[in-house]
Each structure stands twice: as structure tokens, then as C-alpha cells.
């Protein structure tokens, strides 16, 4: 020891222990609970929407079946009539029976074209009068399929 250096007599400084990450502060617990609650609400909303749109998926699958059947037999009158019936059943699922069940002709056409936002589904008057004609109308089945698929995907559901 050197008597001229008084600091040499001191013990070395001890550093405090590192602060651990566990347990987290109460604010982190609250944030974690809020995130879990938000994820649960999102999951609930997505499952509810998926189940609510099951009828749309079934209708689109049935429309594809009708189109494949048309491609096989070439009967455009049957395709148009069956597509019209399919759209009526989908509308009965999404809207009130009083609003849809009795609709036919121009009223049904107006309903179909007005219940889809924008100009997505554009049915013409030959589509709704086809079931009542003795001879099949000159109507493009592919256009009917596209319009029906657009209407099934995008019609506004009555709340």
C-alpha cells in the first residue's frame, strides 16, 4: 500500500443486479389482456361472418353445378329457369319472405338489380320472363352465370 493513495484502501464498487424482465409491470398485463380481448373479438367476428356467408358458398357451388349441367346437355332454357329458382332461394335466405316470395316479372328484375350495389349484377328482362315462355329466349348463359354469381357474392343482406 502506498500511503499517498487513499483510494487504494477502498473496496471495489459493487454493481446492483440486473433488473429482470419478469414479472412485467401492471401496464403490460393490461395491454396483454386488451390484445387478447381484441383477438378474441376479431376471431368471433370472422367466424360469425364465415357462418353467415355459408349460404353464399353453397349457392355458388350449386350455380357451378347448374352451369356444368348446361355445358353437358346444352339446355339453356333449363339453365335459366334453374338459375332463376336458385336466385329466388338465395333471396329468400337473405331477405324477408314478404319482400321476395311473391316477386315475379318486372318486380323480381327490379329487386335483383337494385339489391346489388353498383352495376355488378345486370339482369335483363329476358332472364325473368324465360320461365313463362314456351320457347327458350335468346339469352347468353355465360352472361346469366356471371350476373348470378356477382349477385350471389355481392347482394346486400337485409338487416
Foldseek 3Di string as FASTA:
>chain_A
DDVVDPVVPDDDDDDDDDDDPPPPDVVVVVVVVVVVVVVVVVVVVVVVVVVLLPLLVVLLVVLVVLVVVCVVPVPVLVSLVVLVVSLLVLCVSQDPCVQRVPDAQPRNQCCLCVQFPDRQQHDDRLSRCSVVDPDGDPDDSVSSSRNSNSSSVGGDGDD
